[in-house]
Structure formats: structure tokens, C-alpha cells
N, C-alpha and C. Protein backbone atom coordinates (compact mmCIF):
# COMPACT_ATOMS: atom_id res chain seq x y z
N ILE A 1 0.94 -1.26 0.12
CA ILE A 1 0.10 0.00 -0.05
C ILE A 1 0.92 1.28 -0.03
N ASP A 2 0.58 2.16 -1.03
CA ASP A 2 1.36 3.33 -1.06
C ASP A 2 1.12 4.29 0.17
N ALA A 3 1.77 5.43 0.40
CA ALA A 3 1.43 6.42 1.54
C ALA A 3 -0.07 6.97 1.05
N ASP A 4 -0.17 7.41 -0.26
CA ASP A 4 -1.42 7.98 -0.67
C ASP A 4 -2.51 6.93 -0.42
N GLY A 5 -2.25 5.75 -0.70
CA GLY A 5 -3.30 4.73 -0.68
C GLY A 5 -3.76 4.58 0.79
N GLU A 6 -2.71 4.46 1.71
CA GLU A 6 -3.06 4.24 3.12
C GLU A 6 -3.82 5.34 3.74
N THR A 7 -3.47 6.67 3.21
CA THR A 7 -4.18 7.86 3.68
C THR A 7 -5.62 7.67 3.22
N ARG A 8 -5.82 7.30 1.98
CA ARG A 8 -7.12 7.25 1.48
C ARG A 8 -7.90 6.17 2.13
N SER A 9 -7.36 4.98 2.52
CA SER A 9 -7.99 3.94 3.22
C SER A 9 -8.40 4.40 4.60
N LYS A 10 -7.49 5.16 5.21
CA LYS A 10 -7.91 5.70 6.63
C LYS A 10 -9.10 6.77 6.50
N SER A 11 -8.99 7.59 5.52
CA SER A 11 -10.16 8.65 5.20
C SER A 11 -11.32 7.99 5.01
N ARG A 12 -11.28 7.05 4.09
CA ARG A 12 -12.50 6.15 3.60
C ARG A 12 -13.17 5.53 4.87
N THR A 13 -12.27 4.94 5.65
CA THR A 13 -12.86 4.13 6.83
C THR A 13 -13.48 5.18 7.74
N LEU A 14 -12.80 6.30 8.14
CA LEU A 14 -13.37 7.38 8.92
C LEU A 14 -14.69 7.98 8.35
N LYS A 15 -14.67 8.13 7.20
CA LYS A 15 -15.93 8.72 6.55
C LYS A 15 -17.04 7.73 6.47
N GLU A 16 -16.74 6.47 5.84
CA GLU A 16 -17.83 5.63 5.77
C GLU A 16 -17.90 4.66 7.15
N LYS A 17 -16.97 5.04 7.93
CA LYS A 17 -16.92 4.26 9.21
C LYS A 17 -16.97 2.81 8.93
N GLU A 18 -16.37 2.25 8.04
CA GLU A 18 -16.33 0.74 7.60
C GLU A 18 -15.05 0.33 7.68
N TYR A 19 -14.68 -0.71 8.19
CA TYR A 19 -13.28 -1.30 8.18
C TYR A 19 -13.12 -2.12 6.98
N THR A 20 -11.90 -1.72 6.33
CA THR A 20 -11.46 -2.37 5.05
C THR A 20 -10.26 -3.40 5.30
N PRO A 21 -10.14 -4.62 4.79
CA PRO A 21 -9.16 -5.42 4.89
C PRO A 21 -7.78 -4.76 4.45
N GLU A 22 -7.85 -3.99 3.55
CA GLU A 22 -6.62 -3.28 3.03
C GLU A 22 -5.99 -2.39 4.09
N ASP A 23 -7.05 -1.80 4.90
CA ASP A 23 -6.61 -0.62 5.92
C ASP A 23 -5.96 -1.52 7.10
N LEU A 24 -6.24 -2.70 7.35
CA LEU A 24 -5.61 -3.44 8.51
C LEU A 24 -4.16 -3.68 8.11
N PRO A 25 -3.32 -3.78 9.11
CA PRO A 25 -1.92 -4.03 8.85
C PRO A 25 -1.67 -5.27 8.46
């Protein structure tokens, strides 16, 4: 996951409040 991708994953999780497998370490 790239830095931008990680940031998008976090933002997406915070916005949608849904956990994503890619967001997990």
C-alpha cells in the first residue's frame, strides 16, 4: 500500500466508518 493509498484507506474508513481489509496492517 502506498502512502497515498494508506491515507485514502484511513479517510475512507473514517468517512464511511467501515473497516477495510486493506486498511488493516
